Amino acid sequence: MTKLALILSLCIIFTTFISSSNAISSCNGPCKSLNDCDGQLICIRGKCNDDPDVGTNICGGGGGGSSPSPPSTGSTPGMLTLNDFSEGGDGGGPSECDEKYHDNNERVVALTTRWYDNGSRCGKMIRIRADKNGKSVMAKVVDECDIKDGCKNNVVDGSIAVWRALGLNTDEGRVPITWSMA
């Protein structure tokens, strides 16, 4: 192989590696962070795999081999966490969708970055069903629960009014739910 052919081969390999490093990976695809994995997958030891906290079985068979993009219809498993959307609450600043704070009696949620989908779900209603007791509630999407700021992937961050309507104990911190667009 000539020097020129060797250099060209190395350039092609390097370019392919660089251009694929920002791609979203499906099951067992390469990853370095949560943002590298598709849908409900997380990065475990450099490979995208099922999130043990959510209990999905996308990669382990029966899931079709790859995770769907953010759902717009149908039911999606996730984890409900607690957030105080009021001024001075643990939600930080005003909600991203409407630049307002929300009273703890309002049924409002923040969706994890992928589900928030660049704000496409702002102001829309979702139905949340608690896996534990089967109770359901409607809640309005008002914010993004950004994984860069500590929110785990596949989270619906709900107000205390959402937790109460579902009959859940806020001391549990994280509870499995299923949600869908209303």
N, C-alpha and C. Protein backbone atom coordinates (compact mmCIF):
# COMPACT_ATOMS: atom_id res chain seq x y z
N MET A 1 0.84 -1.16 0.00
CA MET A 1 0.00 0.00 0.00
C MET A 1 0.90 1.24 0.00
N THR A 2 0.61 2.16 -0.86
CA THR A 2 1.41 3.37 -0.94
C THR A 2 1.12 4.27 0.24
N LYS A 3 2.01 5.20 0.48
CA LYS A 3 1.83 6.16 1.57
C LYS A 3 0.55 6.96 1.40
N LEU A 4 0.26 7.39 0.18
CA LEU A 4 -0.94 8.17 -0.10
C LEU A 4 -2.20 7.35 0.18
N ALA A 5 -2.21 6.10 -0.25
CA ALA A 5 -3.37 5.22 -0.01
C ALA A 5 -3.57 4.99 1.49
N LEU A 6 -2.48 4.81 2.21
CA LEU A 6 -2.55 4.62 3.66
C LEU A 6 -3.11 5.87 4.35
N ILE A 7 -2.65 7.03 3.95
CA ILE A 7 -3.13 8.29 4.54
C ILE A 7 -4.62 8.48 4.24
N LEU A 8 -5.02 8.21 3.00
CA LEU A 8 -6.43 8.32 2.63
C LEU A 8 -7.29 7.35 3.44
N SER A 9 -6.83 6.13 3.61
CA SER A 9 -7.57 5.14 4.40
C SER A 9 -7.74 5.60 5.84
N LEU A 10 -6.67 6.11 6.42
CA LEU A 10 -6.75 6.60 7.79
C LEU A 10 -7.70 7.79 7.90
N CYS A 11 -7.68 8.69 6.91
CA CYS A 11 -8.58 9.85 6.91
C CYS A 11 -10.04 9.40 6.86
N ILE A 12 -10.33 8.41 6.03
CA ILE A 12 -11.70 7.90 5.92
C ILE A 12 -12.14 7.27 7.24
N ILE A 13 -11.29 6.47 7.84
CA ILE A 13 -11.62 5.85 9.13
C ILE A 13 -11.84 6.91 10.19
N PHE A 14 -10.97 7.90 10.27
CA PHE A 14 -11.07 8.97 11.26
C PHE A 14 -12.35 9.78 11.05
N THR A 15 -12.67 10.13 9.79
CA THR A 15 -13.88 10.89 9.48
C THR A 15 -15.13 10.10 9.85
N THR A 16 -15.14 8.81 9.54
CA THR A 16 -16.27 7.96 9.90
C THR A 16 -16.45 7.91 11.41
N PHE A 17 -15.35 7.76 12.14
CA PHE A 17 -15.42 7.71 13.60
C PHE A 17 -15.95 9.02 14.16
N ILE A 18 -15.45 10.15 13.71
CA ILE A 18 -15.87 11.46 14.21
C ILE A 18 -17.34 11.71 13.89
N SER A 19 -17.77 11.43 12.67
CA SER A 19 -19.15 11.72 12.30
C SER A 19 -20.13 10.80 13.00
N SER A 20 -19.72 9.60 13.40
CA SER A 20 -20.65 8.70 14.08
C SER A 20 -20.63 8.88 15.59
N SER A 21 -19.69 9.65 16.13
CA SER A 21 -19.59 9.76 17.58
C SER A 21 -20.73 10.58 18.19
N ASN A 22 -21.41 11.42 17.40
CA ASN A 22 -22.51 12.21 17.92
C ASN A 22 -23.86 11.58 17.60
N ALA A 23 -23.87 10.42 16.98
CA ALA A 23 -25.13 9.79 16.59
C ALA A 23 -25.82 9.19 17.81
N ILE A 24 -27.13 9.11 17.75
CA ILE A 24 -27.91 8.45 18.80
C ILE A 24 -27.82 6.95 18.56
N SER A 25 -27.43 6.20 19.58
CA SER A 25 -27.24 4.77 19.45
C SER A 25 -28.43 4.00 19.99
N SER A 26 -28.72 2.87 19.36
CA SER A 26 -29.76 1.98 19.85
C SER A 26 -29.10 0.89 20.69
N CYS A 27 -29.79 -0.19 20.94
CA CYS A 27 -29.31 -1.26 21.82
C CYS A 27 -27.88 -1.69 21.49
N ASN A 28 -27.06 -1.72 22.52
CA ASN A 28 -25.67 -2.15 22.45
C ASN A 28 -24.79 -1.25 21.58
N GLY A 29 -25.32 -0.10 21.14
CA GLY A 29 -24.52 0.85 20.37
C GLY A 29 -23.54 1.56 21.29
N PRO A 30 -22.50 2.17 20.72
CA PRO A 30 -21.50 2.84 21.54
C PRO A 30 -22.05 4.12 22.17
N CYS A 31 -21.58 4.45 23.38
CA CYS A 31 -22.02 5.67 24.05
C CYS A 31 -20.99 6.11 25.09
N LYS A 32 -21.07 7.40 25.42
CA LYS A 32 -20.25 7.95 26.49
C LYS A 32 -21.11 8.63 27.55
N SER A 33 -22.33 9.04 27.15
CA SER A 33 -23.23 9.71 28.09
C SER A 33 -24.67 9.31 27.79
N LEU A 34 -25.62 9.71 28.67
CA LEU A 34 -27.03 9.40 28.47
C LEU A 34 -27.55 9.96 27.16
N ASN A 35 -27.03 11.11 26.75
CA ASN A 35 -27.50 11.74 25.52
C ASN A 35 -27.13 10.97 24.27
N ASP A 36 -26.22 10.01 24.38
CA ASP A 36 -25.80 9.22 23.23
C ASP A 36 -26.76 8.09 22.90
N CYS A 37 -27.68 7.78 23.83
CA CYS A 37 -28.55 6.61 23.66
C CYS A 37 -29.96 7.04 23.28
N ASP A 38 -30.61 6.19 22.51
CA ASP A 38 -31.94 6.44 21.99
C ASP A 38 -33.01 6.17 23.05
N GLY A 39 -34.08 6.97 23.02
CA GLY A 39 -35.29 6.72 23.80
C GLY A 39 -35.07 6.43 25.26
N GLN A 40 -35.48 5.25 25.72
CA GLN A 40 -35.43 4.89 27.12
C GLN A 40 -34.15 4.14 27.49
N LEU A 41 -33.15 4.19 26.63
CA LEU A 41 -31.90 3.49 26.90
C LEU A 41 -30.94 4.40 27.66
N ILE A 42 -30.04 3.79 28.42
CA ILE A 42 -29.00 4.54 29.12
C ILE A 42 -27.64 3.94 28.79
N CYS A 43 -26.60 4.71 29.03
CA CYS A 43 -25.23 4.27 28.73
C CYS A 43 -24.70 3.48 29.93
N ILE A 44 -24.42 2.21 29.71
CA ILE A 44 -23.85 1.34 30.75
C ILE A 44 -22.58 0.72 30.21
N ARG A 45 -21.44 1.05 30.85
CA ARG A 45 -20.14 0.52 30.45
C ARG A 45 -19.89 0.69 28.95
N GLY A 46 -20.22 1.88 28.42
CA GLY A 46 -19.91 2.20 27.04
C GLY A 46 -20.87 1.69 25.98
N LYS A 47 -21.98 1.04 26.42
CA LYS A 47 -22.98 0.53 25.48
C LYS A 47 -24.37 0.95 25.92
N CYS A 48 -25.22 1.28 24.95
CA CYS A 48 -26.61 1.65 25.26
C CYS A 48 -27.38 0.40 25.63
N ASN A 49 -28.11 0.48 26.75
CA ASN A 49 -28.85 -0.68 27.23
C ASN A 49 -30.09 -0.24 27.98
N ASP A 50 -30.91 -1.21 28.41
CA ASP A 50 -32.13 -0.92 29.17
C ASP A 50 -31.79 -0.20 30.47
N ASP A 51 -32.66 0.72 30.87
CA ASP A 51 -32.51 1.44 32.13
C ASP A 51 -33.08 0.58 33.26
N PRO A 52 -32.24 0.09 34.19
CA PRO A 52 -32.74 -0.77 35.25
C PRO A 52 -33.73 -0.06 36.17
N ASP A 53 -33.65 1.28 36.28
CA ASP A 53 -34.59 2.01 37.12
C ASP A 53 -35.99 2.05 36.52
N VAL A 54 -36.09 1.98 35.20
CA VAL A 54 -37.38 2.04 34.53
C VAL A 54 -37.95 0.63 34.33
N GLY A 55 -37.07 -0.36 34.20
CA GLY A 55 -37.52 -1.74 34.04
C GLY A 55 -37.96 -2.07 32.62
N THR A 56 -37.42 -1.38 31.63
CA THR A 56 -37.77 -1.68 30.25
C THR A 56 -37.08 -2.96 29.82
N ASN A 57 -37.57 -3.56 28.76
CA ASN A 57 -36.96 -4.76 28.22
C ASN A 57 -36.81 -4.61 26.71
N ILE A 58 -36.29 -3.46 26.29
CA ILE A 58 -36.15 -3.15 24.89
C ILE A 58 -35.01 -3.95 24.26
N CYS A 59 -33.89 -4.02 24.95
CA CYS A 59 -32.71 -4.71 24.40
C CYS A 59 -32.70 -6.19 24.72
N GLY A 60 -33.39 -6.60 25.75
CA GLY A 60 -33.33 -7.99 26.19
C GLY A 60 -34.28 -8.91 25.45
N GLY A 61 -34.80 -8.47 24.33
CA GLY A 61 -35.74 -9.30 23.57
C GLY A 61 -37.16 -8.88 23.89
N GLY A 62 -38.03 -8.99 22.95
CA GLY A 62 -39.42 -8.63 23.14
C GLY A 62 -39.68 -7.15 22.94
N GLY A 63 -38.64 -6.37 22.71
CA GLY A 63 -38.83 -4.95 22.54
C GLY A 63 -38.61 -4.47 21.13
N GLY A 64 -38.24 -5.35 20.23
CA GLY A 64 -38.09 -4.94 18.84
C GLY A 64 -36.70 -4.46 18.49
N GLY A 65 -35.76 -4.43 19.44
CA GLY A 65 -34.39 -4.13 19.11
C GLY A 65 -33.99 -2.68 19.21
N SER A 66 -34.92 -1.76 19.11
CA SER A 66 -34.52 -0.36 19.28
C SER A 66 -35.65 0.39 19.96
N SER A 67 -35.29 1.45 20.62
CA SER A 67 -36.26 2.24 21.36
C SER A 67 -36.96 3.22 20.44
N PRO A 68 -38.25 3.48 20.68
CA PRO A 68 -38.95 4.45 19.85
C PRO A 68 -38.48 5.86 20.13
N SER A 69 -38.73 6.76 19.19
CA SER A 69 -38.47 8.16 19.46
C SER A 69 -39.55 8.63 20.43
N PRO A 70 -39.45 9.87 20.93
CA PRO A 70 -40.41 10.30 21.94
C PRO A 70 -41.84 10.06 21.48
N PRO A 71 -42.64 9.43 22.35
CA PRO A 71 -43.99 9.06 21.95
C PRO A 71 -44.91 10.27 21.83
N SER A 72 -45.84 10.21 20.89
CA SER A 72 -46.86 11.24 20.81
C SER A 72 -48.22 10.63 21.09
N THR A 73 -48.32 9.32 20.96
CA THR A 73 -49.53 8.60 21.33
C THR A 73 -49.09 7.29 21.94
N GLY A 74 -49.99 6.57 22.55
CA GLY A 74 -49.65 5.31 23.18
C GLY A 74 -49.15 5.53 24.60
N SER A 75 -48.87 4.44 25.28
CA SER A 75 -48.42 4.49 26.67
C SER A 75 -46.93 4.26 26.76
N THR A 76 -46.29 5.04 27.63
CA THR A 76 -44.85 4.96 27.80
C THR A 76 -44.51 4.81 29.27
N PRO A 77 -43.71 3.80 29.63
CA PRO A 77 -43.30 3.66 31.03
C PRO A 77 -42.29 4.74 31.42
N GLY A 78 -42.33 5.15 32.65
CA GLY A 78 -41.41 6.15 33.16
C GLY A 78 -41.41 6.15 34.68
N MET A 79 -40.73 7.14 35.24
CA MET A 79 -40.68 7.31 36.69
C MET A 79 -41.23 8.68 37.04
N LEU A 80 -42.09 8.73 38.03
CA LEU A 80 -42.62 9.99 38.52
C LEU A 80 -41.75 10.46 39.68
N THR A 81 -41.31 11.70 39.59
CA THR A 81 -40.57 12.34 40.69
C THR A 81 -41.34 13.57 41.12
N LEU A 82 -40.95 14.15 42.25
CA LEU A 82 -41.66 15.29 42.83
C LEU A 82 -40.93 16.59 42.55
N ASN A 83 -41.68 17.64 42.19
CA ASN A 83 -41.10 18.95 41.94
C ASN A 83 -42.03 20.02 42.49
N ASP A 84 -41.45 21.06 43.06
CA ASP A 84 -42.18 22.22 43.54
C ASP A 84 -42.01 23.32 42.49
N PHE A 85 -43.05 23.59 41.74
CA PHE A 85 -43.00 24.56 40.64
C PHE A 85 -43.28 25.99 41.10
N SER A 86 -43.49 26.19 42.41
CA SER A 86 -43.81 27.53 42.91
C SER A 86 -42.54 28.38 43.04
N GLU A 87 -42.73 29.69 43.15
CA GLU A 87 -41.59 30.60 43.30
C GLU A 87 -40.84 30.24 44.57
N GLY A 88 -39.53 30.05 44.46
CA GLY A 88 -38.71 29.65 45.60
C GLY A 88 -38.67 28.14 45.80
N GLY A 89 -39.42 27.39 45.00
CA GLY A 89 -39.45 25.94 45.12
C GLY A 89 -38.23 25.30 44.48
N ASP A 90 -38.13 23.97 44.58
CA ASP A 90 -36.95 23.28 44.08
C ASP A 90 -36.89 23.23 42.55
N GLY A 91 -37.93 23.73 41.87
CA GLY A 91 -37.92 23.76 40.42
C GLY A 91 -37.02 24.84 39.84
N GLY A 92 -36.50 25.71 40.71
CA GLY A 92 -35.61 26.78 40.24
C GLY A 92 -36.40 27.96 39.73
N GLY A 93 -36.13 28.36 38.51
CA GLY A 93 -36.78 29.51 37.91
C GLY A 93 -38.18 29.20 37.41
N PRO A 94 -38.76 30.14 36.72
CA PRO A 94 -40.11 29.91 36.18
C PRO A 94 -40.09 28.79 35.14
N SER A 95 -41.24 28.21 34.91
CA SER A 95 -41.36 27.12 33.93
C SER A 95 -41.00 27.59 32.54
N GLU A 96 -40.36 26.72 31.80
CA GLU A 96 -39.84 27.08 30.48
C GLU A 96 -40.95 27.36 29.46
N CYS A 97 -42.06 26.64 29.56
CA CYS A 97 -43.12 26.79 28.55
C CYS A 97 -43.82 28.14 28.61
N ASP A 98 -44.10 28.62 29.81
CA ASP A 98 -44.90 29.84 29.94
C ASP A 98 -44.23 30.94 30.76
N GLU A 99 -42.98 30.70 31.19
CA GLU A 99 -42.23 31.68 32.00
C GLU A 99 -42.97 32.08 33.27
N LYS A 100 -43.75 31.13 33.84
CA LYS A 100 -44.51 31.40 35.06
C LYS A 100 -44.17 30.36 36.12
N TYR A 101 -44.41 30.74 37.37
CA TYR A 101 -44.36 29.78 38.47
C TYR A 101 -45.76 29.17 38.59
N HIS A 102 -45.82 27.99 39.18
CA HIS A 102 -47.11 27.31 39.31
C HIS A 102 -47.34 26.90 40.76
N ASP A 103 -48.56 27.13 41.22
CA ASP A 103 -48.98 26.80 42.58
C ASP A 103 -48.92 25.28 42.77
N ASN A 104 -48.65 24.86 44.00
CA ASN A 104 -48.56 23.42 44.29
C ASN A 104 -49.89 22.69 44.15
N ASN A 105 -50.99 23.43 44.02
CA ASN A 105 -52.30 22.81 43.82
C ASN A 105 -52.60 22.56 42.34
N GLU A 106 -51.73 23.04 41.46
CA GLU A 106 -51.92 22.82 40.02
C GLU A 106 -51.31 21.47 39.63
N ARG A 107 -52.00 20.77 38.75
CA ARG A 107 -51.49 19.49 38.24
C ARG A 107 -50.62 19.78 37.01
N VAL A 108 -49.33 19.98 37.29
CA VAL A 108 -48.37 20.32 36.23
C VAL A 108 -47.17 19.38 36.30
N VAL A 109 -46.49 19.24 35.16
CA VAL A 109 -45.32 18.36 35.08
C VAL A 109 -44.22 18.97 34.23
N ALA A 110 -43.02 18.47 34.46
CA ALA A 110 -41.88 18.71 33.59
C ALA A 110 -41.50 17.35 33.01
N LEU A 111 -41.23 17.30 31.72
CA LEU A 111 -40.83 16.06 31.08
C LEU A 111 -39.33 16.04 30.86
N THR A 112 -38.73 14.86 30.95
CA THR A 112 -37.32 14.70 30.67
C THR A 112 -37.02 15.20 29.25
N THR A 113 -35.80 15.59 29.00
CA THR A 113 -35.41 16.27 27.77
C THR A 113 -35.96 15.62 26.50
N ARG A 114 -35.80 14.31 26.35
CA ARG A 114 -36.26 13.63 25.14
C ARG A 114 -37.77 13.73 24.96
N TRP A 115 -38.50 13.55 26.07
CA TRP A 115 -39.96 13.60 25.98
C TRP A 115 -40.46 15.03 25.83
N TYR A 116 -39.74 15.99 26.37
CA TYR A 116 -40.10 17.40 26.23
C TYR A 116 -40.04 17.81 24.76
N ASP A 117 -39.13 17.18 24.03
CA ASP A 117 -39.06 17.29 22.58
C ASP A 117 -39.00 18.74 22.10
N ASN A 118 -38.02 19.47 22.62
CA ASN A 118 -37.79 20.86 22.22
C ASN A 118 -39.01 21.76 22.41
N GLY A 119 -39.81 21.44 23.42
CA GLY A 119 -40.97 22.27 23.74
C GLY A 119 -42.22 21.94 22.96
N SER A 120 -42.18 20.90 22.12
CA SER A 120 -43.36 20.57 21.31
C SER A 120 -44.55 20.14 22.15
N ARG A 121 -44.31 19.75 23.40
CA ARG A 121 -45.41 19.31 24.27
C ARG A 121 -45.85 20.39 25.27
N CYS A 122 -45.26 21.58 25.17
CA CYS A 122 -45.62 22.68 26.07
C CYS A 122 -47.12 22.96 26.03
N GLY A 123 -47.71 23.06 27.20
CA GLY A 123 -49.13 23.39 27.32
C GLY A 123 -50.08 22.25 27.04
N LYS A 124 -49.55 21.12 26.62
CA LYS A 124 -50.41 19.97 26.30
C LYS A 124 -50.65 19.14 27.55
N MET A 125 -51.74 18.41 27.53
CA MET A 125 -52.11 17.57 28.66
C MET A 125 -51.60 16.15 28.43
N ILE A 126 -51.12 15.54 29.51
CA ILE A 126 -50.75 14.12 29.46
C ILE A 126 -51.56 13.39 30.52
N ARG A 127 -51.76 12.11 30.29
CA ARG A 127 -52.43 11.25 31.27
C ARG A 127 -51.35 10.42 31.94
N ILE A 128 -51.36 10.43 33.27
CA ILE A 128 -50.37 9.68 34.06
C ILE A 128 -51.12 8.61 34.85
N ARG A 129 -50.65 7.35 34.75
CA ARG A 129 -51.25 6.27 35.53
C ARG A 129 -50.19 5.70 36.45
N ALA A 130 -50.51 5.64 37.74
CA ALA A 130 -49.59 5.05 38.72
C ALA A 130 -49.64 3.53 38.58
N ASP A 131 -48.48 2.92 38.34
CA ASP A 131 -48.43 1.46 38.20
C ASP A 131 -48.84 0.78 39.50
N LYS A 132 -48.55 1.42 40.61
CA LYS A 132 -48.77 0.85 41.94
C LYS A 132 -50.25 0.61 42.25
N ASN A 133 -51.12 1.59 41.89
CA ASN A 133 -52.53 1.47 42.28
C ASN A 133 -53.50 1.64 41.11
N GLY A 134 -53.00 1.91 39.91
CA GLY A 134 -53.85 2.04 38.74
C GLY A 134 -54.59 3.36 38.60
N LYS A 135 -54.41 4.28 39.56
CA LYS A 135 -55.09 5.57 39.48
C LYS A 135 -54.47 6.42 38.38
N SER A 136 -55.31 7.26 37.74
CA SER A 136 -54.85 8.13 36.66
C SER A 136 -55.18 9.58 36.95
N VAL A 137 -54.42 10.47 36.34
CA VAL A 137 -54.64 11.90 36.46
C VAL A 137 -54.17 12.58 35.17
N MET A 138 -54.80 13.70 34.86
CA MET A 138 -54.35 14.52 33.73
C MET A 138 -53.49 15.64 34.31
N ALA A 139 -52.42 16.00 33.60
CA ALA A 139 -51.55 17.08 34.04
C ALA A 139 -51.03 17.83 32.82
N LYS A 140 -50.73 19.10 33.03
CA LYS A 140 -50.27 19.97 31.95
C LYS A 140 -48.74 20.04 31.93
N VAL A 141 -48.16 19.92 30.74
CA VAL A 141 -46.71 20.04 30.56
C VAL A 141 -46.34 21.52 30.58
N VAL A 142 -45.49 21.91 31.56
CA VAL A 142 -45.09 23.31 31.68
C VAL A 142 -43.58 23.52 31.65
N ASP A 143 -42.80 22.42 31.67
CA ASP A 143 -41.35 22.60 31.79
C ASP A 143 -40.60 21.37 31.30
N GLU A 144 -39.29 21.56 31.18
CA GLU A 144 -38.37 20.48 30.84
C GLU A 144 -37.62 20.07 32.09
N CYS A 145 -37.54 18.78 32.32
CA CYS A 145 -36.74 18.23 33.40
C CYS A 145 -35.43 17.80 32.74
N ASP A 146 -34.46 18.67 32.73
CA ASP A 146 -33.25 18.53 31.94
C ASP A 146 -32.24 17.60 32.61
N ILE A 147 -31.83 16.55 31.89
CA ILE A 147 -30.88 15.60 32.46
C ILE A 147 -29.53 16.23 32.73
N LYS A 148 -29.21 17.33 32.06
CA LYS A 148 -27.94 18.02 32.31
C LYS A 148 -27.95 18.65 33.70
N ASP A 149 -29.13 18.92 34.23
CA ASP A 149 -29.25 19.53 35.56
C ASP A 149 -29.61 18.51 36.64
N GLY A 150 -29.36 17.24 36.39
CA GLY A 150 -29.55 16.22 37.40
C GLY A 150 -30.80 15.39 37.27
N CYS A 151 -31.68 15.71 36.35
CA CYS A 151 -32.89 14.92 36.15
C CYS A 151 -32.52 13.67 35.36
N LYS A 152 -32.93 12.51 35.85
CA LYS A 152 -32.62 11.28 35.14
C LYS A 152 -33.49 11.16 33.90
N ASN A 153 -33.02 10.37 32.95
CA ASN A 153 -33.78 10.11 31.75
C ASN A 153 -35.07 9.39 32.09
N ASN A 154 -36.12 9.55 31.29
CA ASN A 154 -37.39 8.86 31.44
C ASN A 154 -38.17 9.28 32.69
N VAL A 155 -38.08 10.57 33.02
CA VAL A 155 -38.75 11.09 34.20
C VAL A 155 -39.90 12.01 33.82
N VAL A 156 -41.01 11.86 34.55
CA VAL A 156 -42.09 12.83 34.56
C VAL A 156 -42.02 13.44 35.95
N ASP A 157 -41.64 14.71 36.02
CA ASP A 157 -41.45 15.42 37.27
C ASP A 157 -42.76 16.13 37.60
N GLY A 158 -43.49 15.62 38.59
CA GLY A 158 -44.84 16.11 38.85
C GLY A 158 -44.96 16.96 40.10
N SER A 159 -45.94 17.86 40.08
CA SER A 159 -46.25 18.69 41.25
C SER A 159 -46.87 17.82 42.34
N ILE A 160 -46.92 18.35 43.55
CA ILE A 160 -47.53 17.61 44.66
C ILE A 160 -49.00 17.32 44.38
N ALA A 161 -49.66 18.19 43.61
CA ALA A 161 -51.07 17.96 43.25
C ALA A 161 -51.20 16.70 42.39
N VAL A 162 -50.23 16.43 41.53
CA VAL A 162 -50.25 15.21 40.72
C VAL A 162 -50.10 13.99 41.63
N TRP A 163 -49.14 14.05 42.55
CA TRP A 163 -48.91 12.94 43.48
C TRP A 163 -50.17 12.67 44.31
N ARG A 164 -50.79 13.73 44.82
CA ARG A 164 -52.00 13.56 45.65
C ARG A 164 -53.13 12.94 44.84
N ALA A 165 -53.33 13.44 43.61
CA ALA A 165 -54.40 12.91 42.77
C ALA A 165 -54.21 11.43 42.46
N LEU A 166 -52.96 11.00 42.42
CA LEU A 166 -52.65 9.59 42.17
C LEU A 166 -52.66 8.76 43.46
N GLY A 167 -52.85 9.41 44.60
CA GLY A 167 -52.86 8.70 45.87
C GLY A 167 -51.50 8.15 46.26
N LEU A 168 -50.45 8.86 45.90
CA LEU A 168 -49.08 8.38 46.15
C LEU A 168 -48.43 9.13 47.31
N ASN A 169 -47.52 8.45 47.97
CA ASN A 169 -46.77 9.02 49.09
C ASN A 169 -45.52 9.71 48.53
N THR A 170 -45.42 11.02 48.73
CA THR A 170 -44.29 11.79 48.19
C THR A 170 -42.96 11.38 48.82
N ASP A 171 -42.99 10.74 49.98
CA ASP A 171 -41.74 10.29 50.63
C ASP A 171 -41.05 9.19 49.82
N GLU A 172 -41.78 8.54 48.92
CA GLU A 172 -41.17 7.48 48.10
C GLU A 172 -40.17 8.05 47.09
N GLY A 173 -40.36 9.31 46.68
CA GLY A 173 -39.40 9.97 45.81
C GLY A 173 -39.50 9.64 44.33
N ARG A 174 -39.53 8.37 43.99
CA ARG A 174 -39.62 7.90 42.60
C ARG A 174 -40.57 6.71 42.56
N VAL A 175 -41.58 6.81 41.71
CA VAL A 175 -42.51 5.70 41.57
C VAL A 175 -42.74 5.41 40.07
N PRO A 176 -42.89 4.14 39.73
CA PRO A 176 -43.11 3.79 38.32
C PRO A 176 -44.51 4.23 37.88
N ILE A 177 -44.57 4.80 36.68
CA ILE A 177 -45.82 5.25 36.09
C ILE A 177 -45.83 4.88 34.62
N THR A 178 -46.99 5.06 34.02
CA THR A 178 -47.13 4.98 32.59
C THR A 178 -47.83 6.26 32.17
N TRP A 179 -47.34 6.89 31.11
CA TRP A 179 -47.96 8.14 30.69
C TRP A 179 -48.24 8.11 29.19
N SER A 180 -49.16 8.96 28.78
CA SER A 180 -49.50 9.10 27.36
C SER A 180 -50.02 10.51 27.12
N MET A 181 -50.02 10.90 25.87
CA MET A 181 -50.62 12.19 25.52
C MET A 181 -52.12 12.04 25.69
N ALA A 182 -52.76 13.08 26.20
CA ALA A 182 -54.21 13.02 26.45
C ALA A 182 -54.97 13.31 25.19
